[in-house]
Amino acid sequence: MIKLKELRKARGESIREMSERLDIPADTIAKWGQGTRKPKLEKIIHICQIYGISLAVLAPDLWEEVVGAVDTIDLKDELDKREDEAR
């Protein structure tokens, strides 16, 4: 679930203000906030860029889906391995 309503309220914005800032129709933003429609990934990324927040903050469920159950130790090991191979 995308946390648009929480983001909007935290910023003190109305749906109309958010709509103008994102150049997205207000009714679309309202439907996203209600969960009756889902934005495409490109739109979610655009929102993150405009508001300077991470995908993990705006859409934690999507973030978990994208990242999966990656263990940070395994990720560090993998990055170290790739760095060694690059040398």
PDB file of N, CA and C in Angstrom:
ATOM      1  N   MET A   1       0.839  -1.183   0.000  1.00  0.00           N
ATOM      2  CA  MET A   1       0.000   0.000   0.000  1.00  0.00           C
ATOM      3  C   MET A   1       0.886   1.249   0.000  1.00  0.00           C
ATOM      4  N   ILE A   2       0.525   2.182  -0.823  1.00  0.00           N
ATOM      5  CA  ILE A   2       1.263   3.436  -0.910  1.00  0.00           C
ATOM      6  C   ILE A   2       0.740   4.396   0.166  1.00  0.00           C
ATOM      7  N   LYS A   3       1.639   5.033   0.859  1.00  0.00           N
ATOM      8  CA  LYS A   3       1.282   5.884   1.996  1.00  0.00           C
ATOM      9  C   LYS A   3       1.153   7.349   1.580  1.00  0.00           C
ATOM     10  N   LEU A   4       0.352   7.586   0.561  1.00  0.00           N
ATOM     11  CA  LEU A   4       0.168   8.950   0.058  1.00  0.00           C
ATOM     12  C   LEU A   4      -0.560   9.833   1.049  1.00  0.00           C
ATOM     13  N   LYS A   5      -1.599   9.299   1.663  1.00  0.00           N
ATOM     14  CA  LYS A   5      -2.375  10.101   2.606  1.00  0.00           C
ATOM     15  C   LYS A   5      -1.497  10.540   3.780  1.00  0.00           C
ATOM     16  N   GLU A   6      -0.684   9.622   4.285  1.00  0.00           N
ATOM     17  CA  GLU A   6       0.223   9.948   5.388  1.00  0.00           C
ATOM     18  C   GLU A   6       1.242  10.998   4.963  1.00  0.00           C
ATOM     19  N   LEU A   7       1.777  10.840   3.756  1.00  0.00           N
ATOM     20  CA  LEU A   7       2.747  11.804   3.230  1.00  0.00           C
ATOM     21  C   LEU A   7       2.099  13.178   3.101  1.00  0.00           C
ATOM     22  N   ARG A   8       0.922  13.200   2.531  1.00  0.00           N
ATOM     23  CA  ARG A   8       0.212  14.460   2.317  1.00  0.00           C
ATOM     24  C   ARG A   8      -0.074  15.164   3.643  1.00  0.00           C
ATOM     25  N   LYS A   9      -0.558  14.419   4.610  1.00  0.00           N
ATOM     26  CA  LYS A   9      -0.875  15.014   5.914  1.00  0.00           C
ATOM     27  C   LYS A   9       0.390  15.472   6.637  1.00  0.00           C
ATOM     28  N   ALA A  10       1.465  14.702   6.536  1.00  0.00           N
ATOM     29  CA  ALA A  10       2.729  15.082   7.180  1.00  0.00           C
ATOM     30  C   ALA A  10       3.268  16.382   6.587  1.00  0.00           C
ATOM     31  N   ARG A  11       3.004  16.605   5.311  1.00  0.00           N
ATOM     32  CA  ARG A  11       3.468  17.828   4.642  1.00  0.00           C
ATOM     33  C   ARG A  11       2.452  18.959   4.746  1.00  0.00           C
ATOM     34  N   GLY A  12       1.292  18.665   5.327  1.00  0.00           N
ATOM     35  CA  GLY A  12       0.263  19.693   5.466  1.00  0.00           C
ATOM     36  C   GLY A  12      -0.351  20.112   4.141  1.00  0.00           C
ATOM     37  N   GLU A  13      -0.412  19.184   3.195  1.00  0.00           N
ATOM     38  CA  GLU A  13      -0.944  19.490   1.872  1.00  0.00           C
ATOM     39  C   GLU A  13      -2.356  18.938   1.709  1.00  0.00           C
ATOM     40  N   SER A  14      -3.131  19.635   0.939  1.00  0.00           N
ATOM     41  CA  SER A  14      -4.440  19.124   0.535  1.00  0.00           C
ATOM     42  C   SER A  14      -4.223  18.229  -0.686  1.00  0.00           C
ATOM     43  N   ILE A  15      -5.255  17.498  -1.038  1.00  0.00           N
ATOM     44  CA  ILE A  15      -5.167  16.676  -2.250  1.00  0.00           C
ATOM     45  C   ILE A  15      -4.914  17.571  -3.458  1.00  0.00           C
ATOM     46  N   ARG A  16      -5.564  18.717  -3.502  1.00  0.00           N
ATOM     47  CA  ARG A  16      -5.381  19.644  -4.625  1.00  0.00           C
ATOM     48  C   ARG A  16      -3.933  20.133  -4.699  1.00  0.00           C
ATOM     49  N   GLU A  17      -3.339  20.477  -3.563  1.00  0.00           N
ATOM     50  CA  GLU A  17      -1.943  20.939  -3.553  1.00  0.00           C
ATOM     51  C   GLU A  17      -0.999  19.832  -4.015  1.00  0.00           C
ATOM     52  N   MET A  18      -1.248  18.625  -3.533  1.00  0.00           N
ATOM     53  CA  MET A  18      -0.417  17.498  -3.964  1.00  0.00           C
ATOM     54  C   MET A  18      -0.590  17.254  -5.461  1.00  0.00           C
ATOM     55  N   SER A  19      -1.811  17.370  -5.914  1.00  0.00           N
ATOM     56  CA  SER A  19      -2.117  17.192  -7.329  1.00  0.00           C
ATOM     57  C   SER A  19      -1.326  18.177  -8.190  1.00  0.00           C
ATOM     58  N   GLU A  20      -1.316  19.420  -7.771  1.00  0.00           N
ATOM     59  CA  GLU A  20      -0.580  20.450  -8.524  1.00  0.00           C
ATOM     60  C   GLU A  20       0.923  20.185  -8.477  1.00  0.00           C
ATOM     61  N   ARG A  21       1.411  19.797  -7.324  1.00  0.00           N
ATOM     62  CA  ARG A  21       2.848  19.548  -7.167  1.00  0.00           C
ATOM     63  C   ARG A  21       3.312  18.375  -8.033  1.00  0.00           C
ATOM     64  N   LEU A  22       2.473  17.335  -8.116  1.00  0.00           N
ATOM     65  CA  LEU A  22       2.849  16.133  -8.858  1.00  0.00           C
ATOM     66  C   LEU A  22       2.373  16.143 -10.307  1.00  0.00           C
ATOM     67  N   ASP A  23       1.519  17.116 -10.650  1.00  0.00           N
ATOM     68  CA  ASP A  23       0.915  17.182 -11.981  1.00  0.00           C
ATOM     69  C   ASP A  23       0.139  15.891 -12.283  1.00  0.00           C
ATOM     70  N   ILE A  24      -0.661  15.486 -11.296  1.00  0.00           N
ATOM     71  CA  ILE A  24      -1.512  14.301 -11.389  1.00  0.00           C
ATOM     72  C   ILE A  24      -2.905  14.740 -10.952  1.00  0.00           C
ATOM     73  N   PRO A  25      -3.957  14.311 -11.650  1.00  0.00           N
ATOM     74  CA  PRO A  25      -5.311  14.722 -11.261  1.00  0.00           C
ATOM     75  C   PRO A  25      -5.629  14.394  -9.797  1.00  0.00           C
ATOM     76  N   ALA A  26      -6.331  15.314  -9.150  1.00  0.00           N
ATOM     77  CA  ALA A  26      -6.671  15.150  -7.732  1.00  0.00           C
ATOM     78  C   ALA A  26      -7.503  13.904  -7.484  1.00  0.00           C
ATOM     79  N   ASP A  27      -8.421  13.575  -8.394  1.00  0.00           N
ATOM     80  CA  ASP A  27      -9.235  12.382  -8.186  1.00  0.00           C
ATOM     81  C   ASP A  27      -8.398  11.115  -8.251  1.00  0.00           C
ATOM     82  N   THR A  28      -7.356  11.126  -9.048  1.00  0.00           N
ATOM     83  CA  THR A  28      -6.455   9.975  -9.111  1.00  0.00           C
ATOM     84  C   THR A  28      -5.705   9.822  -7.790  1.00  0.00           C
ATOM     85  N   ILE A  29      -5.202  10.914  -7.262  1.00  0.00           N
ATOM     86  CA  ILE A  29      -4.502  10.883  -5.977  1.00  0.00           C
ATOM     87  C   ILE A  29      -5.440  10.402  -4.872  1.00  0.00           C
ATOM     88  N   ALA A  30      -6.677  10.871  -4.889  1.00  0.00           N
ATOM     89  CA  ALA A  30      -7.656  10.439  -3.886  1.00  0.00           C
ATOM     90  C   ALA A  30      -7.889   8.938  -3.974  1.00  0.00           C
ATOM     91  N   LYS A  31      -8.018   8.418  -5.175  1.00  0.00           N
ATOM     92  CA  LYS A  31      -8.241   6.967  -5.361  1.00  0.00           C
ATOM     93  C   LYS A  31      -7.030   6.164  -4.915  1.00  0.00           C
ATOM     94  N   TRP A  32      -5.829   6.674  -5.181  1.00  0.00           N
ATOM     95  CA  TRP A  32      -4.622   5.992  -4.700  1.00  0.00           C
ATOM     96  C   TRP A  32      -4.616   5.960  -3.184  1.00  0.00           C
ATOM     97  N   GLY A  33      -4.955   7.089  -2.576  1.00  0.00           N
ATOM     98  CA  GLY A  33      -4.970   7.187  -1.120  1.00  0.00           C
ATOM     99  C   GLY A  33      -6.004   6.270  -0.482  1.00  0.00           C
ATOM    100  N   GLN A  34      -7.125   6.082  -1.160  1.00  0.00           N
ATOM    101  CA  GLN A  34      -8.180   5.208  -0.666  1.00  0.00           C
ATOM    102  C   GLN A  34      -7.887   3.740  -0.951  1.00  0.00           C
ATOM    103  N   GLY A  35      -6.940   3.500  -1.841  1.00  0.00           N
ATOM    104  CA  GLY A  35      -6.607   2.129  -2.202  1.00  0.00           C
ATOM    105  C   GLY A  35      -7.514   1.539  -3.269  1.00  0.00           C
ATOM    106  N   THR A  36      -8.344   2.374  -3.910  1.00  0.00           N
ATOM    107  CA  THR A  36      -9.227   1.867  -4.954  1.00  0.00           C
ATOM    108  C   THR A  36      -8.528   1.784  -6.310  1.00  0.00           C
ATOM    109  N   ARG A  37      -7.397   2.457  -6.438  1.00  0.00           N
ATOM    110  CA  ARG A  37      -6.539   2.354  -7.622  1.00  0.00           C
ATOM    111  C   ARG A  37      -5.103   2.280  -7.156  1.00  0.00           C
ATOM    112  N   LYS A  38      -4.259   1.685  -7.992  1.00  0.00           N
ATOM    113  CA  LYS A  38      -2.839   1.584  -7.663  1.00  0.00           C
ATOM    114  C   LYS A  38      -2.021   2.322  -8.721  1.00  0.00           C
ATOM    115  N   PRO A  39      -1.079   3.145  -8.278  1.00  0.00           N
ATOM    116  CA  PRO A  39      -0.225   3.832  -9.257  1.00  0.00           C
ATOM    117  C   PRO A  39       0.803   2.875  -9.836  1.00  0.00           C
ATOM    118  N   LYS A  40       1.233   3.178 -11.041  1.00  0.00           N
ATOM    119  CA  LYS A  40       2.314   2.409 -11.658  1.00  0.00           C
ATOM    120  C   LYS A  40       3.622   2.736 -10.940  1.00  0.00           C
ATOM    121  N   LEU A  41       4.562   1.831 -11.030  1.00  0.00           N
ATOM    122  CA  LEU A  41       5.852   2.004 -10.364  1.00  0.00           C
ATOM    123  C   LEU A  41       6.528   3.306 -10.768  1.00  0.00           C
ATOM    124  N   GLU A  42       6.422   3.680 -12.032  1.00  0.00           N
ATOM    125  CA  GLU A  42       7.050   4.924 -12.491  1.00  0.00           C
ATOM    126  C   GLU A  42       6.494   6.134 -11.744  1.00  0.00           C
ATOM    127  N   LYS A  43       5.183   6.122 -11.488  1.00  0.00           N
ATOM    128  CA  LYS A  43       4.565   7.230 -10.759  1.00  0.00           C
ATOM    129  C   LYS A  43       5.020   7.245  -9.300  1.00  0.00           C
ATOM    130  N   ILE A  44       5.131   6.065  -8.707  1.00  0.00           N
ATOM    131  CA  ILE A  44       5.585   5.982  -7.321  1.00  0.00           C
ATOM    132  C   ILE A  44       7.004   6.523  -7.211  1.00  0.00           C
ATOM    133  N   ILE A  45       7.849   6.159  -8.137  1.00  0.00           N
ATOM    134  CA  ILE A  45       9.230   6.650  -8.138  1.00  0.00           C
ATOM    135  C   ILE A  45       9.246   8.164  -8.334  1.00  0.00           C
ATOM    136  N   HIS A  46       8.404   8.663  -9.218  1.00  0.00           N
ATOM    137  CA  HIS A  46       8.296  10.112  -9.449  1.00  0.00           C
ATOM    138  C   HIS A  46       7.908  10.827  -8.146  1.00  0.00           C
ATOM    139  N   ILE A  47       6.947  10.287  -7.428  1.00  0.00           N
ATOM    140  CA  ILE A  47       6.516  10.875  -6.160  1.00  0.00           C
ATOM    141  C   ILE A  47       7.678  10.887  -5.167  1.00  0.00           C
ATOM    142  N   CYS A  48       8.408   9.782  -5.094  1.00  0.00           N
ATOM    143  CA  CYS A  48       9.572   9.716  -4.196  1.00  0.00           C
ATOM    144  C   CYS A  48      10.589  10.794  -4.545  1.00  0.00           C
ATOM    145  N   GLN A  49      10.830  10.990  -5.823  1.00  0.00           N
ATOM    146  CA  GLN A  49      11.798  11.999  -6.256  1.00  0.00           C
ATOM    147  C   GLN A  49      11.317  13.406  -5.921  1.00  0.00           C
ATOM    148  N   ILE A  50      10.060  13.695  -6.176  1.00  0.00           N
ATOM    149  CA  ILE A  50       9.519  15.030  -5.915  1.00  0.00           C
ATOM    150  C   ILE A  50       9.583  15.356  -4.425  1.00  0.00           C
ATOM    151  N   TYR A  51       9.249  14.383  -3.583  1.00  0.00           N
ATOM    152  CA  TYR A  51       9.205  14.627  -2.141  1.00  0.00           C
ATOM    153  C   TYR A  51      10.517  14.299  -1.430  1.00  0.00           C
ATOM    154  N   GLY A  52      11.472  13.763  -2.156  1.00  0.00           N
ATOM    155  CA  GLY A  52      12.768  13.454  -1.558  1.00  0.00           C
ATOM    156  C   GLY A  52      12.693  12.370  -0.489  1.00  0.00           C
ATOM    157  N   ILE A  53      11.885  11.343  -0.756  1.00  0.00           N
ATOM    158  CA  ILE A  53      11.761  10.229   0.188  1.00  0.00           C
ATOM    159  C   ILE A  53      12.081   8.926  -0.522  1.00  0.00           C
ATOM    160  N   SER A  54      12.318   7.901   0.254  1.00  0.00           N
ATOM    161  CA  SER A  54      12.659   6.617  -0.349  1.00  0.00           C
ATOM    162  C   SER A  54      11.406   5.800  -0.630  1.00  0.00           C
ATOM    163  N   LEU A  55      11.555   4.850  -1.510  1.00  0.00           N
ATOM    164  CA  LEU A  55      10.476   3.920  -1.814  1.00  0.00           C
ATOM    165  C   LEU A  55      10.085   3.135  -0.566  1.00  0.00           C
ATOM    166  N   ALA A  56      11.051   2.836   0.281  1.00  0.00           N
ATOM    167  CA  ALA A  56      10.786   2.095   1.516  1.00  0.00           C
ATOM    168  C   ALA A  56       9.842   2.869   2.438  1.00  0.00           C
ATOM    169  N   VAL A  57       9.904   4.185   2.403  1.00  0.00           N
ATOM    170  CA  VAL A  57       9.037   5.018   3.239  1.00  0.00           C
ATOM    171  C   VAL A  57       7.652   5.153   2.609  1.00  0.00           C
ATOM    172  N   LEU A  58       7.589   5.426   1.322  1.00  0.00           N
ATOM    173  CA  LEU A  58       6.320   5.675   0.649  1.00  0.00           C
ATOM    174  C   LEU A  58       5.516   4.397   0.423  1.00  0.00           C
ATOM    175  N   ALA A  59       6.190   3.335   0.057  1.00  0.00           N
ATOM    176  CA  ALA A  59       5.499   2.085  -0.276  1.00  0.00           C
ATOM    177  C   ALA A  59       6.276   0.898   0.298  1.00  0.00           C
ATOM    178  N   PRO A  60       6.238   0.718   1.619  1.00  0.00           N
ATOM    179  CA  PRO A  60       7.041  -0.334   2.233  1.00  0.00           C
ATOM    180  C   PRO A  60       6.725  -1.737   1.727  1.00  0.00           C
ATOM    181  N   ASP A  61       5.460  -2.006   1.402  1.00  0.00           N
ATOM    182  CA  ASP A  61       5.108  -3.327   0.874  1.00  0.00           C
ATOM    183  C   ASP A  61       5.774  -3.569  -0.471  1.00  0.00           C
ATOM    184  N   LEU A  62       5.756  -2.555  -1.327  1.00  0.00           N
ATOM    185  CA  LEU A  62       6.392  -2.653  -2.638  1.00  0.00           C
ATOM    186  C   LEU A  62       7.902  -2.775  -2.487  1.00  0.00           C
ATOM    187  N   TRP A  63       8.459  -1.997  -1.575  1.00  0.00           N
ATOM    188  CA  TRP A  63       9.898  -2.057  -1.316  1.00  0.00           C
ATOM    189  C   TRP A  63      10.305  -3.475  -0.924  1.00  0.00           C
ATOM    190  N   GLU A  64       9.550  -4.076  -0.020  1.00  0.00           N
ATOM    191  CA  GLU A  64       9.864  -5.432   0.421  1.00  0.00           C
ATOM    192  C   GLU A  64       9.753  -6.417  -0.739  1.00  0.00           C
ATOM    193  N   GLU A  65       8.746  -6.203  -1.591  1.00  0.00           N
ATOM    194  CA  GLU A  65       8.568  -7.065  -2.754  1.00  0.00           C
ATOM    195  C   GLU A  65       9.746  -6.933  -3.716  1.00  0.00           C
ATOM    196  N   VAL A  66      10.182  -5.692  -3.928  1.00  0.00           N
ATOM    197  CA  VAL A  66      11.287  -5.432  -4.863  1.00  0.00           C
ATOM    198  C   VAL A  66      12.596  -5.982  -4.313  1.00  0.00           C
ATOM    199  N   VAL A  67      12.844  -5.695  -3.063  1.00  0.00           N
ATOM    200  CA  VAL A  67      14.113  -6.098  -2.460  1.00  0.00           C
ATOM    201  C   VAL A  67      14.081  -7.567  -2.062  1.00  0.00           C
ATOM    202  N   GLY A  68      12.923  -8.042  -1.667  1.00  0.00           N
ATOM    203  CA  GLY A  68      12.804  -9.425  -1.215  1.00  0.00           C
ATOM    204  C   GLY A  68      13.370  -9.561   0.183  1.00  0.00           C
ATOM    205  N   ALA A  69      13.609 -10.750   0.537  1.00  0.00           N
ATOM    206  CA  ALA A  69      14.125 -11.026   1.880  1.00  0.00           C
ATOM    207  C   ALA A  69      15.653 -11.081   1.838  1.00  0.00           C
ATOM    208  N   VAL A  70      16.241 -10.053   1.288  1.00  0.00           N
ATOM    209  CA  VAL A  70      17.695 -10.010   1.157  1.00  0.00           C
ATOM    210  C   VAL A  70      18.306  -9.753   2.527  1.00  0.00           C
ATOM    211  N   ASP A  71      19.179 -10.609   2.921  1.00  0.00           N
ATOM    212  CA  ASP A  71      19.889 -10.440   4.184  1.00  0.00           C
ATOM    213  C   ASP A  71      21.021  -9.452   3.935  1.00  0.00           C
ATOM    214  N   THR A  72      21.135  -8.423   4.765  1.00  0.00           N
ATOM    215  CA  THR A  72      22.140  -7.384   4.524  1.00  0.00           C
ATOM    216  C   THR A  72      23.557  -7.929   4.570  1.00  0.00           C
ATOM    217  N   ILE A  73      23.788  -8.959   5.366  1.00  0.00           N
ATOM    218  CA  ILE A  73      25.129  -9.559   5.400  1.00  0.00           C
ATOM    219  C   ILE A  73      25.423 -10.220   4.070  1.00  0.00           C
ATOM    220  N   ASP A  74      24.448 -10.961   3.531  1.00  0.00           N
ATOM    221  CA  ASP A  74      24.625 -11.589   2.228  1.00  0.00           C
ATOM    222  C   ASP A  74      24.833 -10.541   1.147  1.00  0.00           C
ATOM    223  N   LEU A  75      24.104  -9.444   1.234  1.00  0.00           N
ATOM    224  CA  LEU A  75      24.252  -8.377   0.261  1.00  0.00           C
ATOM    225  C   LEU A  75      25.648  -7.776   0.334  1.00  0.00           C
ATOM    226  N   LYS A  76      26.147  -7.523   1.538  1.00  0.00           N
ATOM    227  CA  LYS A  76      27.489  -6.981   1.694  1.00  0.00           C
ATOM    228  C   LYS A  76      28.520  -7.944   1.133  1.00  0.00           C
ATOM    229  N   ASP A  77      28.359  -9.232   1.431  1.00  0.00           N
ATOM    230  CA  ASP A  77      29.282 -10.241   0.896  1.00  0.00           C
ATOM    231  C   ASP A  77      29.263 -10.247  -0.631  1.00  0.00           C
ATOM    232  N   GLU A  78      28.072 -10.147  -1.202  1.00  0.00           N
ATOM    233  CA  GLU A  78      27.941 -10.141  -2.655  1.00  0.00           C
ATOM    234  C   GLU A  78      28.604  -8.902  -3.252  1.00  0.00           C
ATOM    235  N   LEU A  79      28.408  -7.754  -2.635  1.00  0.00           N
ATOM    236  CA  LEU A  79      29.034  -6.525  -3.134  1.00  0.00           C
ATOM    237  C   LEU A  79      30.553  -6.592  -3.013  1.00  0.00           C
ATOM    238  N   ASP A  80      31.042  -7.130  -1.896  1.00  0.00           N
ATOM    239  CA  ASP A  80      32.488  -7.300  -1.724  1.00  0.00           C
ATOM    240  C   ASP A  80      33.044  -8.229  -2.799  1.00  0.00           C
ATOM    241  N   LYS A  81      32.335  -9.307  -3.065  1.00  0.00           N
ATOM    242  CA  LYS A  81      32.764 -10.282  -4.074  1.00  0.00           C
ATOM    243  C   LYS A  81      32.845  -9.617  -5.446  1.00  0.00           C
ATOM    244  N   ARG A  82      31.836  -8.842  -5.787  1.00  0.00           N
ATOM    245  CA  ARG A  82      31.829  -8.169  -7.100  1.00  0.00           C
ATOM    246  C   ARG A  82      32.938  -7.132  -7.195  1.00  0.00           C
ATOM    247  N   GLU A  83      33.205  -6.455  -6.091  1.00  0.00           N
ATOM    248  CA  GLU A  83      34.288  -5.470  -6.068  1.00  0.00           C
ATOM    249  C   GLU A  83      35.630  -6.157  -6.289  1.00  0.00           C
ATOM    250  N   ASP A  84      35.836  -7.295  -5.633  1.00  0.00           N
ATOM    251  CA  ASP A  84      37.070  -8.061  -5.817  1.00  0.00           C
ATOM    252  C   ASP A  84      37.215  -8.521  -7.259  1.00  0.00           C
ATOM    253  N   GLU A  85      36.111  -8.975  -7.861  1.00  0.00           N
ATOM    254  CA  GLU A  85      36.150  -9.447  -9.247  1.00  0.00           C
ATOM    255  C   GLU A  85      36.453  -8.311 -10.215  1.00  0.00           C
ATOM    256  N   ALA A  86      36.027  -7.121  -9.881  1.00  0.00           N
ATOM    257  CA  ALA A  86      36.243  -5.960 -10.739  1.00  0.00           C
ATOM    258  C   ALA A  86      37.718  -5.541 -10.777  1.00  0.00           C
ATOM    259  N   ARG A  87      38.437  -5.897  -9.731  1.00  0.00           N
ATOM    260  CA  ARG A  87      39.858  -5.502  -9.666  1.00  0.00           C
ATOM    261  C   ARG A  87      40.679  -6.369 -10.503  1.00  0.00           C
TER     262      ARG A  87
END
